[in-house]
């Protein structure tokens, strides 16, 4: 898994949301090729512990 942390995503109203992106990796640790499903978890609370919401969707 490849994690990009604190990527700022701009919204239409100009607000930027800090986002962590988790992507599958291939056997060499590079970005896996292909299309993959997305799970979007958005919270108004601390995003530093994704286990809180990952457990809810796993």
N, C-alpha and C. Protein backbone atom coordinates (compact mmCIF):
# COMPACT_ATOMS: atom_id res chain seq x y z
N UNK A 1 0.84 -1.16 0.00
CA UNK A 1 0.00 0.00 0.00
C UNK A 1 0.89 1.24 0.00
N UNK A 2 0.50 2.21 -0.79
CA UNK A 2 1.20 3.48 -0.86
C UNK A 2 0.29 4.54 -0.25
N UNK A 3 0.83 5.32 0.68
CA UNK A 3 0.04 6.34 1.36
C UNK A 3 0.60 7.72 1.03
N UNK A 4 -0.26 8.60 0.56
CA UNK A 4 0.09 10.02 0.36
C UNK A 4 -0.68 10.79 1.43
N UNK A 5 0.04 11.40 2.36
CA UNK A 5 -0.60 12.07 3.48
C UNK A 5 -0.70 13.57 3.27
N UNK A 6 -1.76 14.13 3.82
CA UNK A 6 -1.98 15.58 3.84
C UNK A 6 -2.00 16.21 2.45
N UNK A 7 -2.63 15.52 1.50
CA UNK A 7 -2.84 16.07 0.16
C UNK A 7 -4.00 17.06 0.27
N UNK A 8 -3.79 18.28 -0.15
CA UNK A 8 -4.83 19.31 -0.04
C UNK A 8 -5.73 19.26 -1.28
N UNK A 9 -7.01 18.96 -1.07
CA UNK A 9 -7.98 18.83 -2.15
C UNK A 9 -8.86 20.08 -2.17
N UNK A 10 -8.84 20.85 -3.27
CA UNK A 10 -9.65 22.08 -3.32
C UNK A 10 -11.13 21.77 -3.59
N UNK A 11 -11.99 22.46 -2.85
CA UNK A 11 -13.43 22.36 -3.06
C UNK A 11 -13.88 23.54 -3.92
N UNK A 12 -15.10 23.47 -4.44
CA UNK A 12 -15.61 24.54 -5.32
C UNK A 12 -15.64 25.90 -4.65
N UNK A 13 -15.85 25.91 -3.34
CA UNK A 13 -15.94 27.20 -2.64
C UNK A 13 -14.58 27.75 -2.21
N UNK A 14 -13.50 27.06 -2.61
CA UNK A 14 -12.16 27.52 -2.30
C UNK A 14 -11.55 26.89 -1.05
N UNK A 15 -12.36 26.21 -0.25
CA UNK A 15 -11.84 25.52 0.93
C UNK A 15 -10.97 24.36 0.47
N UNK A 16 -9.88 24.12 1.18
CA UNK A 16 -9.00 22.99 0.86
C UNK A 16 -9.07 21.99 2.01
N UNK A 17 -9.34 20.72 1.70
CA UNK A 17 -9.47 19.69 2.71
C UNK A 17 -8.23 18.81 2.70
N UNK A 18 -7.65 18.62 3.89
CA UNK A 18 -6.48 17.76 4.02
C UNK A 18 -6.93 16.30 3.92
N UNK A 19 -6.29 15.55 3.04
CA UNK A 19 -6.74 14.20 2.71
C UNK A 19 -5.56 13.23 2.69
N UNK A 20 -5.77 12.03 3.22
CA UNK A 20 -4.80 10.95 3.09
C UNK A 20 -5.31 10.00 2.03
N UNK A 21 -4.45 9.63 1.08
CA UNK A 21 -4.84 8.76 -0.03
C UNK A 21 -4.08 7.45 0.10
N UNK A 22 -4.82 6.34 0.15
CA UNK A 22 -4.25 5.00 0.25
C UNK A 22 -4.45 4.30 -1.08
N UNK A 23 -3.35 3.86 -1.71
CA UNK A 23 -3.43 3.21 -3.02
C UNK A 23 -2.76 1.85 -2.96
N UNK A 24 -3.25 0.90 -3.76
CA UNK A 24 -2.61 -0.40 -3.79
C UNK A 24 -1.23 -0.31 -4.45
N UNK A 25 -0.33 -1.15 -3.99
CA UNK A 25 1.02 -1.22 -4.57
C UNK A 25 1.21 -2.58 -5.23
N UNK A 26 2.08 -2.62 -6.23
CA UNK A 26 2.42 -3.91 -6.84
C UNK A 26 3.48 -4.61 -5.98
N UNK A 27 3.97 -5.74 -6.44
CA UNK A 27 4.93 -6.52 -5.66
C UNK A 27 6.27 -5.82 -5.49
N UNK A 28 6.51 -4.77 -6.27
CA UNK A 28 7.77 -4.02 -6.18
C UNK A 28 7.61 -2.73 -5.37
N UNK A 29 6.42 -2.46 -4.86
CA UNK A 29 6.18 -1.26 -4.07
C UNK A 29 5.81 -0.04 -4.89
N UNK A 30 5.57 -0.24 -6.19
CA UNK A 30 5.15 0.85 -7.07
C UNK A 30 3.63 0.90 -7.13
N UNK A 31 3.09 2.01 -7.65
CA UNK A 31 1.64 2.12 -7.81
C UNK A 31 1.15 0.97 -8.69
N UNK A 32 0.14 0.24 -8.22
CA UNK A 32 -0.45 -0.84 -9.00
C UNK A 32 -1.21 -0.24 -10.18
N UNK A 33 -1.13 -0.89 -11.32
CA UNK A 33 -1.82 -0.42 -12.52
C UNK A 33 -3.25 -0.93 -12.52
N UNK A 34 -4.16 -0.17 -13.08
CA UNK A 34 -5.54 -0.60 -13.20
C UNK A 34 -6.49 0.32 -12.47
N UNK A 35 -7.76 -0.07 -12.49
CA UNK A 35 -8.80 0.70 -11.81
C UNK A 35 -9.18 -0.04 -10.53
N UNK A 36 -9.44 0.72 -9.48
CA UNK A 36 -9.75 0.13 -8.19
C UNK A 36 -10.92 0.88 -7.56
N UNK A 37 -11.73 0.18 -6.75
CA UNK A 37 -12.83 0.87 -6.07
C UNK A 37 -12.28 1.88 -5.06
N UNK A 38 -13.11 2.84 -4.70
CA UNK A 38 -12.72 3.90 -3.77
C UNK A 38 -13.65 3.88 -2.57
N UNK A 39 -13.07 4.05 -1.39
CA UNK A 39 -13.85 4.28 -0.18
C UNK A 39 -13.47 5.67 0.30
N UNK A 40 -14.44 6.55 0.38
CA UNK A 40 -14.18 7.91 0.83
C UNK A 40 -14.68 8.05 2.26
N UNK A 41 -13.77 8.34 3.16
CA UNK A 41 -14.13 8.59 4.55
C UNK A 41 -13.85 10.04 4.87
N UNK A 42 -14.85 10.78 5.23
CA UNK A 42 -14.68 12.21 5.53
C UNK A 42 -15.14 12.43 6.96
N UNK A 43 -14.33 13.11 7.74
CA UNK A 43 -14.66 13.38 9.13
C UNK A 43 -14.27 14.80 9.50
N UNK A 44 -14.98 15.36 10.43
CA UNK A 44 -14.62 16.68 10.94
C UNK A 44 -13.66 16.56 12.12
N UNK A 45 -13.29 15.32 12.45
CA UNK A 45 -12.40 15.07 13.58
C UNK A 45 -11.01 14.72 13.08
N UNK A 46 -10.11 14.45 14.00
CA UNK A 46 -8.72 14.11 13.71
C UNK A 46 -8.61 12.92 12.77
N UNK A 47 -7.94 13.09 11.63
CA UNK A 47 -7.80 12.02 10.65
C UNK A 47 -6.54 11.19 10.87
N UNK A 48 -5.80 11.46 11.96
CA UNK A 48 -4.52 10.79 12.18
C UNK A 48 -4.67 9.32 12.55
N UNK A 49 -5.88 8.87 12.89
CA UNK A 49 -6.10 7.47 13.23
C UNK A 49 -7.18 6.88 12.33
N UNK A 50 -6.79 6.45 11.10
CA UNK A 50 -7.79 5.93 10.16
C UNK A 50 -8.46 4.64 10.62
N UNK A 51 -7.88 3.94 11.60
CA UNK A 51 -8.47 2.69 12.07
C UNK A 51 -9.88 2.92 12.59
N UNK A 52 -10.13 4.09 13.12
CA UNK A 52 -11.46 4.40 13.66
C UNK A 52 -12.53 4.21 12.60
N UNK A 53 -12.31 4.71 11.39
CA UNK A 53 -13.34 4.57 10.36
C UNK A 53 -13.08 3.42 9.42
N UNK A 54 -11.84 2.95 9.30
CA UNK A 54 -11.57 1.79 8.44
C UNK A 54 -12.26 0.56 9.01
N UNK A 55 -12.23 0.38 10.33
CA UNK A 55 -12.90 -0.76 10.95
C UNK A 55 -14.39 -0.76 10.64
N UNK A 56 -14.98 0.41 10.49
CA UNK A 56 -16.41 0.51 10.22
C UNK A 56 -16.78 0.04 8.82
N UNK A 57 -15.86 0.14 7.86
CA UNK A 57 -16.17 -0.25 6.48
C UNK A 57 -15.51 -1.56 6.06
N UNK A 58 -14.66 -2.11 6.90
CA UNK A 58 -13.94 -3.35 6.55
C UNK A 58 -14.81 -4.57 6.71
